[in-house]
């Protein structure tokens, strides 16, 4: 676990707190509190990663959702590119 300083709260459109971005007091890396895999060298890189990889309403990590979609059964009505030929 890490201790964050200079914390910025991330809220969704309803004002619900979904995550925090802050500076790890020990490593001096910027971190997203709900994403423990890595830290970032700058605050901007942490925010860029947040915007690219998390749902802004739920805070859910989007790469996990995309991975689950690929593993799951194809939804009815979905077509592969070759099926349109």
PDB file of N, CA and C in Angstrom:
ATOM      1  N   UNK A   1       0.836  -1.181   0.000  1.00  0.00           N
ATOM      2  CA  UNK A   1       0.000   0.000   0.000  1.00  0.00           C
ATOM      3  C   UNK A   1       0.879   1.241   0.000  1.00  0.00           C
ATOM      4  N   UNK A   2       0.367   2.317  -0.519  1.00  0.00           N
ATOM      5  CA  UNK A   2       1.157   3.533  -0.585  1.00  0.00           C
ATOM      6  C   UNK A   2       0.418   4.684   0.107  1.00  0.00           C
ATOM      7  N   UNK A   3       1.187   5.655   0.540  1.00  0.00           N
ATOM      8  CA  UNK A   3       0.643   6.845   1.190  1.00  0.00           C
ATOM      9  C   UNK A   3       0.743   8.000   0.200  1.00  0.00           C
ATOM     10  N   UNK A   4      -0.416   8.582  -0.134  1.00  0.00           N
ATOM     11  CA  UNK A   4      -0.443   9.639  -1.143  1.00  0.00           C
ATOM     12  C   UNK A   4      -0.441  11.031  -0.521  1.00  0.00           C
ATOM     13  N   UNK A   5       0.296  11.925  -1.169  1.00  0.00           N
ATOM     14  CA  UNK A   5       0.321  13.347  -0.842  1.00  0.00           C
ATOM     15  C   UNK A   5      -0.191  14.110  -2.062  1.00  0.00           C
ATOM     16  N   UNK A   6      -0.475  15.386  -1.909  1.00  0.00           N
ATOM     17  CA  UNK A   6      -0.933  16.220  -3.030  1.00  0.00           C
ATOM     18  C   UNK A   6      -2.083  15.548  -3.777  1.00  0.00           C
ATOM     19  N   UNK A   7      -3.058  15.098  -3.030  1.00  0.00           N
ATOM     20  CA  UNK A   7      -4.150  14.290  -3.582  1.00  0.00           C
ATOM     21  C   UNK A   7      -5.149  15.137  -4.367  1.00  0.00           C
ATOM     22  N   UNK A   8      -5.543  14.591  -5.519  1.00  0.00           N
ATOM     23  CA  UNK A   8      -6.601  15.175  -6.330  1.00  0.00           C
ATOM     24  C   UNK A   8      -7.709  14.141  -6.452  1.00  0.00           C
ATOM     25  N   UNK A   9      -8.924  14.535  -6.088  1.00  0.00           N
ATOM     26  CA  UNK A   9     -10.058  13.627  -6.132  1.00  0.00           C
ATOM     27  C   UNK A   9     -10.652  13.598  -7.538  1.00  0.00           C
ATOM     28  N   UNK A  10     -10.999  12.401  -7.995  1.00  0.00           N
ATOM     29  CA  UNK A  10     -11.661  12.235  -9.289  1.00  0.00           C
ATOM     30  C   UNK A  10     -13.117  11.889  -8.995  1.00  0.00           C
ATOM     31  N   UNK A  11     -14.032  12.677  -9.536  1.00  0.00           N
ATOM     32  CA  UNK A  11     -15.452  12.436  -9.332  1.00  0.00           C
ATOM     33  C   UNK A  11     -16.132  12.219 -10.684  1.00  0.00           C
ATOM     34  N   UNK A  12     -17.265  11.529 -10.638  1.00  0.00           N
ATOM     35  CA  UNK A  12     -18.022  11.323 -11.871  1.00  0.00           C
ATOM     36  C   UNK A  12     -19.010  12.475 -12.052  1.00  0.00           C
ATOM     37  N   UNK A  13     -19.880  12.377 -13.044  1.00  0.00           N
ATOM     38  CA  UNK A  13     -20.805  13.469 -13.350  1.00  0.00           C
ATOM     39  C   UNK A  13     -21.828  13.709 -12.247  1.00  0.00           C
ATOM     40  N   UNK A  14     -22.025  12.724 -11.375  1.00  0.00           N
ATOM     41  CA  UNK A  14     -22.943  12.881 -10.240  1.00  0.00           C
ATOM     42  C   UNK A  14     -22.236  13.392  -8.998  1.00  0.00           C
ATOM     43  N   UNK A  15     -20.933  13.650  -9.097  1.00  0.00           N
ATOM     44  CA  UNK A  15     -20.168  14.130  -7.948  1.00  0.00           C
ATOM     45  C   UNK A  15     -19.681  13.030  -7.021  1.00  0.00           C
ATOM     46  N   UNK A  16     -19.876  11.777  -7.404  1.00  0.00           N
ATOM     47  CA  UNK A  16     -19.432  10.645  -6.587  1.00  0.00           C
ATOM     48  C   UNK A  16     -17.928  10.437  -6.748  1.00  0.00           C
ATOM     49  N   UNK A  17     -17.218  10.322  -5.620  1.00  0.00           N
ATOM     50  CA  UNK A  17     -15.779  10.076  -5.670  1.00  0.00           C
ATOM     51  C   UNK A  17     -15.528   8.667  -6.213  1.00  0.00           C
ATOM     52  N   UNK A  18     -14.694   8.580  -7.264  1.00  0.00           N
ATOM     53  CA  UNK A  18     -14.409   7.263  -7.828  1.00  0.00           C
ATOM     54  C   UNK A  18     -12.935   6.897  -7.759  1.00  0.00           C
ATOM     55  N   UNK A  19     -12.057   7.875  -7.580  1.00  0.00           N
ATOM     56  CA  UNK A  19     -10.619   7.563  -7.486  1.00  0.00           C
ATOM     57  C   UNK A  19      -9.865   8.797  -6.994  1.00  0.00           C
ATOM     58  N   UNK A  20      -8.583   8.566  -6.719  1.00  0.00           N
ATOM     59  CA  UNK A  20      -7.678   9.642  -6.316  1.00  0.00           C
ATOM     60  C   UNK A  20      -6.394   9.530  -7.108  1.00  0.00           C
ATOM     61  N   UNK A  21      -5.796  10.658  -7.425  1.00  0.00           N
ATOM     62  CA  UNK A  21      -4.447  10.688  -7.988  1.00  0.00           C
ATOM     63  C   UNK A  21      -3.604  11.487  -7.009  1.00  0.00           C
ATOM     64  N   UNK A  22      -2.453  10.938  -6.662  1.00  0.00           N
ATOM     65  CA  UNK A  22      -1.591  11.647  -5.724  1.00  0.00           C
ATOM     66  C   UNK A  22      -0.151  11.191  -5.847  1.00  0.00           C
ATOM     67  N   UNK A  23       0.697  11.889  -5.142  1.00  0.00           N
ATOM     68  CA  UNK A  23       2.124  11.616  -5.145  1.00  0.00           C
ATOM     69  C   UNK A  23       2.450  10.634  -4.031  1.00  0.00           C
ATOM     70  N   UNK A  24       3.055   9.496  -4.381  1.00  0.00           N
ATOM     71  CA  UNK A  24       3.459   8.486  -3.400  1.00  0.00           C
ATOM     72  C   UNK A  24       4.593   9.068  -2.551  1.00  0.00           C
ATOM     73  N   UNK A  25       4.377   9.145  -1.247  1.00  0.00           N
ATOM     74  CA  UNK A  25       5.345   9.771  -0.345  1.00  0.00           C
ATOM     75  C   UNK A  25       6.683   9.036  -0.313  1.00  0.00           C
ATOM     76  N   UNK A  26       6.664   7.728  -0.522  1.00  0.00           N
ATOM     77  CA  UNK A  26       7.898   6.946  -0.448  1.00  0.00           C
ATOM     78  C   UNK A  26       8.672   6.919  -1.760  1.00  0.00           C
ATOM     79  N   UNK A  27       7.983   6.633  -2.860  1.00  0.00           N
ATOM     80  CA  UNK A  27       8.668   6.471  -4.151  1.00  0.00           C
ATOM     81  C   UNK A  27       8.751   7.764  -4.955  1.00  0.00           C
ATOM     82  N   UNK A  28       7.958   8.762  -4.572  1.00  0.00           N
ATOM     83  CA  UNK A  28       7.869  10.036  -5.289  1.00  0.00           C
ATOM     84  C   UNK A  28       7.330   9.846  -6.711  1.00  0.00           C
ATOM     85  N   UNK A  29       6.494   8.839  -6.902  1.00  0.00           N
ATOM     86  CA  UNK A  29       5.807   8.608  -8.171  1.00  0.00           C
ATOM     87  C   UNK A  29       4.348   9.022  -8.004  1.00  0.00           C
ATOM     88  N   UNK A  30       3.741   9.489  -9.071  1.00  0.00           N
ATOM     89  CA  UNK A  30       2.322   9.796  -9.072  1.00  0.00           C
ATOM     90  C   UNK A  30       1.558   8.499  -9.248  1.00  0.00           C
ATOM     91  N   UNK A  31       0.498   8.320  -8.463  1.00  0.00           N
ATOM     92  CA  UNK A  31      -0.266   7.077  -8.493  1.00  0.00           C
ATOM     93  C   UNK A  31      -1.763   7.340  -8.546  1.00  0.00           C
ATOM     94  N   UNK A  32      -2.459   6.364  -9.109  1.00  0.00           N
ATOM     95  CA  UNK A  32      -3.925   6.326  -9.102  1.00  0.00           C
ATOM     96  C   UNK A  32      -4.288   5.309  -8.028  1.00  0.00           C
ATOM     97  N   UNK A  33      -5.044   5.719  -7.017  1.00  0.00           N
ATOM     98  CA  UNK A  33      -5.241   4.853  -5.857  1.00  0.00           C
ATOM     99  C   UNK A  33      -5.919   3.520  -6.170  1.00  0.00           C
ATOM    100  N   UNK A  34      -6.739   3.457  -7.204  1.00  0.00           N
ATOM    101  CA  UNK A  34      -7.413   2.198  -7.525  1.00  0.00           C
ATOM    102  C   UNK A  34      -6.644   1.369  -8.545  1.00  0.00           C
ATOM    103  N   UNK A  35      -5.448   1.817  -8.905  1.00  0.00           N
ATOM    104  CA  UNK A  35      -4.604   1.115  -9.878  1.00  0.00           C
ATOM    105  C   UNK A  35      -3.212   0.981  -9.273  1.00  0.00           C
ATOM    106  N   UNK A  36      -2.936  -0.151  -8.668  1.00  0.00           N
ATOM    107  CA  UNK A  36      -1.679  -0.328  -7.954  1.00  0.00           C
ATOM    108  C   UNK A  36      -0.533  -0.867  -8.776  1.00  0.00           C
ATOM    109  N   UNK A  37      -0.746  -1.114 -10.049  1.00  0.00           N
ATOM    110  CA  UNK A  37       0.271  -1.776 -10.858  1.00  0.00           C
ATOM    111  C   UNK A  37       1.526  -0.962 -11.097  1.00  0.00           C
ATOM    112  N   UNK A  38       1.401   0.352 -11.161  1.00  0.00           N
ATOM    113  CA  UNK A  38       2.585   1.158 -11.463  1.00  0.00           C
ATOM    114  C   UNK A  38       2.362   2.597 -11.043  1.00  0.00           C
ATOM    115  N   UNK A  39       3.466   3.315 -10.953  1.00  0.00           N
ATOM    116  CA  UNK A  39       3.419   4.741 -10.693  1.00  0.00           C
ATOM    117  C   UNK A  39       3.839   5.488 -11.954  1.00  0.00           C
ATOM    118  N   UNK A  40       3.729   6.804 -11.923  1.00  0.00           N
ATOM    119  CA  UNK A  40       4.029   7.636 -13.076  1.00  0.00           C
ATOM    120  C   UNK A  40       5.005   8.721 -12.669  1.00  0.00           C
ATOM    121  N   UNK A  41       5.854   9.115 -13.592  1.00  0.00           N
ATOM    122  CA  UNK A  41       6.901  10.086 -13.276  1.00  0.00           C
ATOM    123  C   UNK A  41       6.358  11.504 -13.116  1.00  0.00           C
ATOM    124  N   UNK A  42       5.211  11.794 -13.728  1.00  0.00           N
ATOM    125  CA  UNK A  42       4.626  13.123 -13.604  1.00  0.00           C
ATOM    126  C   UNK A  42       3.130  13.016 -13.333  1.00  0.00           C
ATOM    127  N   UNK A  43       2.590  14.094 -12.784  1.00  0.00           N
ATOM    128  CA  UNK A  43       1.150  14.186 -12.548  1.00  0.00           C
ATOM    129  C   UNK A  43       0.408  14.072 -13.879  1.00  0.00           C
ATOM    130  N   UNK A  44       0.910  14.746 -14.919  1.00  0.00           N
ATOM    131  CA  UNK A  44       0.268  14.712 -16.239  1.00  0.00           C
ATOM    132  C   UNK A  44       0.192  13.291 -16.792  1.00  0.00           C
ATOM    133  N   UNK A  45       1.263  12.513 -16.630  1.00  0.00           N
ATOM    134  CA  UNK A  45       1.246  11.129 -17.136  1.00  0.00           C
ATOM    135  C   UNK A  45       0.210  10.292 -16.396  1.00  0.00           C
ATOM    136  N   UNK A  46       0.051  10.521 -15.101  1.00  0.00           N
ATOM    137  CA  UNK A  46      -0.973   9.800 -14.339  1.00  0.00           C
ATOM    138  C   UNK A  46      -2.364  10.170 -14.844  1.00  0.00           C
ATOM    139  N   UNK A  47      -2.610  11.470 -15.040  1.00  0.00           N
ATOM    140  CA  UNK A  47      -3.907  11.909 -15.562  1.00  0.00           C
ATOM    141  C   UNK A  47      -4.142  11.401 -16.982  1.00  0.00           C
ATOM    142  N   UNK A  48      -3.136  11.431 -17.837  1.00  0.00           N
ATOM    143  CA  UNK A  48      -3.279  10.910 -19.207  1.00  0.00           C
ATOM    144  C   UNK A  48      -3.643   9.432 -19.181  1.00  0.00           C
ATOM    145  N   UNK A  49      -2.985   8.670 -18.295  1.00  0.00           N
ATOM    146  CA  UNK A  49      -3.291   7.243 -18.175  1.00  0.00           C
ATOM    147  C   UNK A  49      -4.725   7.048 -17.692  1.00  0.00           C
ATOM    148  N   UNK A  50      -5.133   7.858 -16.716  1.00  0.00           N
ATOM    149  CA  UNK A  50      -6.515   7.782 -16.219  1.00  0.00           C
ATOM    150  C   UNK A  50      -7.498   8.001 -17.369  1.00  0.00           C
ATOM    151  N   UNK A  51      -7.334   9.078 -18.108  1.00  0.00           N
ATOM    152  CA  UNK A  51      -8.265   9.410 -19.189  1.00  0.00           C
ATOM    153  C   UNK A  51      -8.289   8.347 -20.284  1.00  0.00           C
ATOM    154  N   UNK A  52      -7.171   7.710 -20.550  1.00  0.00           N
ATOM    155  CA  UNK A  52      -7.092   6.711 -21.616  1.00  0.00           C
ATOM    156  C   UNK A  52      -7.584   5.327 -21.196  1.00  0.00           C
ATOM    157  N   UNK A  53      -7.615   5.044 -19.881  1.00  0.00           N
ATOM    158  CA  UNK A  53      -7.828   3.663 -19.451  1.00  0.00           C
ATOM    159  C   UNK A  53      -8.935   3.417 -18.440  1.00  0.00           C
ATOM    160  N   UNK A  54      -9.619   4.454 -17.982  1.00  0.00           N
ATOM    161  CA  UNK A  54     -10.654   4.272 -16.975  1.00  0.00           C
ATOM    162  C   UNK A  54     -11.968   4.899 -17.421  1.00  0.00           C
ATOM    163  N   UNK A  55     -13.063   4.244 -17.050  1.00  0.00           N
ATOM    164  CA  UNK A  55     -14.392   4.790 -17.312  1.00  0.00           C
ATOM    165  C   UNK A  55     -14.611   5.987 -16.383  1.00  0.00           C
ATOM    166  N   UNK A  56     -14.940   7.161 -16.925  1.00  0.00           N
ATOM    167  CA  UNK A  56     -15.064   8.353 -16.090  1.00  0.00           C
ATOM    168  C   UNK A  56     -16.282   8.352 -15.162  1.00  0.00           C
ATOM    169  N   UNK A  57     -17.231   7.466 -15.392  1.00  0.00           N
ATOM    170  CA  UNK A  57     -18.418   7.390 -14.525  1.00  0.00           C
ATOM    171  C   UNK A  57     -18.275   6.355 -13.417  1.00  0.00           C
ATOM    172  N   UNK A  58     -17.648   5.228 -13.733  1.00  0.00           N
ATOM    173  CA  UNK A  58     -17.566   4.137 -12.759  1.00  0.00           C
ATOM    174  C   UNK A  58     -16.178   3.970 -12.149  1.00  0.00           C
ATOM    175  N   UNK A  59     -15.153   4.433 -12.846  1.00  0.00           N
ATOM    176  CA  UNK A  59     -13.785   4.203 -12.398  1.00  0.00           C
ATOM    177  C   UNK A  59     -13.264   2.836 -12.791  1.00  0.00           C
ATOM    178  N   UNK A  60     -14.042   2.080 -13.549  1.00  0.00           N
ATOM    179  CA  UNK A  60     -13.630   0.740 -13.957  1.00  0.00           C
ATOM    180  C   UNK A  60     -12.479   0.817 -14.954  1.00  0.00           C
ATOM    181  N   UNK A  61     -11.506  -0.064 -14.762  1.00  0.00           N
ATOM    182  CA  UNK A  61     -10.351  -0.144 -15.652  1.00  0.00           C
ATOM    183  C   UNK A  61     -10.808  -0.727 -16.979  1.00  0.00           C
ATOM    184  N   UNK A  62     -10.725   0.047 -18.054  1.00  0.00           N
ATOM    185  CA  UNK A  62     -11.299  -0.340 -19.338  1.00  0.00           C
ATOM    186  C   UNK A  62     -10.584  -1.504 -20.001  1.00  0.00           C
ATOM    187  N   UNK A  63      -9.310  -1.646 -19.798  1.00  0.00           N
ATOM    188  CA  UNK A  63      -8.599  -2.766 -20.435  1.00  0.00           C
ATOM    189  C   UNK A  63      -9.099  -4.096 -19.915  1.00  0.00           C
ATOM    190  N   UNK A  64      -9.483  -4.158 -18.641  1.00  0.00           N
ATOM    191  CA  UNK A  64     -10.064  -5.389 -18.094  1.00  0.00           C
ATOM    192  C   UNK A  64     -11.414  -5.664 -18.742  1.00  0.00           C
ATOM    193  N   UNK A  65     -12.205  -4.619 -18.952  1.00  0.00           N
ATOM    194  CA  UNK A  65     -13.511  -4.788 -19.590  1.00  0.00           C
ATOM    195  C   UNK A  65     -13.342  -5.262 -21.024  1.00  0.00           C
ATOM    196  N   UNK A  66     -12.387  -4.687 -21.755  1.00  0.00           N
ATOM    197  CA  UNK A  66     -12.142  -5.096 -23.136  1.00  0.00           C
ATOM    198  C   UNK A  66     -11.656  -6.537 -23.187  1.00  0.00           C
ATOM    199  N   UNK A  67     -10.804  -6.917 -22.234  1.00  0.00           N
ATOM    200  CA  UNK A  67     -10.303  -8.289 -22.179  1.00  0.00           C
ATOM    201  C   UNK A  67     -11.456  -9.254 -21.938  1.00  0.00           C
ATOM    202  N   UNK A  68     -12.367  -8.915 -21.037  1.00  0.00           N
ATOM    203  CA  UNK A  68     -13.516  -9.774 -20.746  1.00  0.00           C
ATOM    204  C   UNK A  68     -14.412  -9.903 -21.971  1.00  0.00           C
ATOM    205  N   UNK A  69     -14.583  -8.817 -22.727  1.00  0.00           N
ATOM    206  CA  UNK A  69     -15.390  -8.872 -23.941  1.00  0.00           C
ATOM    207  C   UNK A  69     -14.780  -9.823 -24.964  1.00  0.00           C
ATOM    208  N   UNK A  70     -13.455  -9.818 -25.089  1.00  0.00           N
ATOM    209  CA  UNK A  70     -12.801 -10.705 -26.060  1.00  0.00           C
ATOM    210  C   UNK A  70     -12.914 -12.155 -25.649  1.00  0.00           C
ATOM    211  N   UNK A  71     -12.896 -12.425 -24.355  1.00  0.00           N
ATOM    212  CA  UNK A  71     -12.941 -13.791 -23.859  1.00  0.00           C
ATOM    213  C   UNK A  71     -14.357 -14.341 -23.914  1.00  0.00           C
ATOM    214  N   UNK A  72     -15.352 -13.461 -23.750  1.00  0.00           N
ATOM    215  CA  UNK A  72     -16.746 -13.875 -23.683  1.00  0.00           C
ATOM    216  C   UNK A  72     -17.273 -14.373 -25.008  1.00  0.00           C
ATOM    217  N   UNK A  73     -18.500 -14.859 -24.959  1.00  0.00           N
ATOM    218  CA  UNK A  73     -19.174 -15.348 -26.159  1.00  0.00           C
ATOM    219  C   UNK A  73     -19.580 -14.164 -27.010  1.00  0.00           C
ATOM    220  N   UNK A  74     -19.475 -14.315 -28.321  1.00  0.00           N
ATOM    221  CA  UNK A  74     -19.863 -13.246 -29.239  1.00  0.00           C
ATOM    222  C   UNK A  74     -21.341 -12.947 -29.057  1.00  0.00           C
ATOM    223  N   UNK A  75     -21.675 -11.683 -28.964  1.00  0.00           N
ATOM    224  CA  UNK A  75     -23.059 -11.262 -28.797  1.00  0.00           C
ATOM    225  C   UNK A  75     -23.821 -11.473 -30.097  1.00  0.00           C
ATOM    226  N   UNK A  76     -25.102 -11.831 -29.969  1.00  0.00           N
ATOM    227  CA  UNK A  76     -25.900 -12.013 -31.175  1.00  0.00           C
ATOM    228  C   UNK A  76     -25.985 -10.704 -31.931  1.00  0.00           C
ATOM    229  N   UNK A  77     -25.958 -10.798 -33.235  1.00  0.00           N
ATOM    230  CA  UNK A  77     -26.017  -9.614 -34.060  1.00  0.00           C
ATOM    231  C   UNK A  77     -24.655  -9.008 -34.366  1.00  0.00           C
ATOM    232  N   UNK A  78     -23.619  -9.496 -33.692  1.00  0.00           N
ATOM    233  CA  UNK A  78     -22.296  -8.954 -33.989  1.00  0.00           C
ATOM    234  C   UNK A  78     -21.716  -9.706 -35.174  1.00  0.00           C
ATOM    235  N   UNK A  79     -20.945  -9.000 -35.942  1.00  0.00           N
ATOM    236  CA  UNK A  79     -20.390  -9.588 -37.170  1.00  0.00           C
ATOM    237  C   UNK A  79     -18.894  -9.387 -37.210  1.00  0.00           C
ATOM    238  N   UNK A  80     -18.211 -10.369 -37.728  1.00  0.00           N
ATOM    239  CA  UNK A  80     -16.790 -10.181 -37.970  1.00  0.00           C
ATOM    240  C   UNK A  80     -16.652  -9.414 -39.268  1.00  0.00           C
ATOM    241  N   UNK A  81     -15.523  -8.748 -39.488  1.00  0.00           N
ATOM    242  CA  UNK A  81     -15.353  -7.985 -40.733  1.00  0.00           C
ATOM    243  C   UNK A  81     -15.544  -8.825 -41.985  1.00  0.00           C
ATOM    244  N   UNK A  82     -15.174 -10.093 -41.939  1.00  0.00           N
ATOM    245  CA  UNK A  82     -15.280 -10.923 -43.132  1.00  0.00           C
ATOM    246  C   UNK A  82     -16.724 -11.352 -43.422  1.00  0.00           C
ATOM    247  N   UNK A  83     -17.639 -11.227 -42.422  1.00  0.00           N
ATOM    248  CA  UNK A  83     -19.012 -11.660 -42.648  1.00  0.00           C
ATOM    249  C   UNK A  83     -19.802 -10.662 -43.466  1.00  0.00           C
ATOM    250  N   UNK A  84     -19.238  -9.472 -43.693  1.00  0.00           N
ATOM    251  CA  UNK A  84     -19.933  -8.454 -44.469  1.00  0.00           C
ATOM    252  C   UNK A  84     -19.599  -8.545 -45.956  1.00  0.00           C
ATOM    253  N   UNK A  85     -18.764  -9.472 -46.349  1.00  0.00           N
ATOM    254  CA  UNK A  85     -18.322  -9.566 -47.739  1.00  0.00           C
ATOM    255  C   UNK A  85     -19.376 -10.166 -48.630  1.00  0.00           C
TER     256      UNK A  85
END
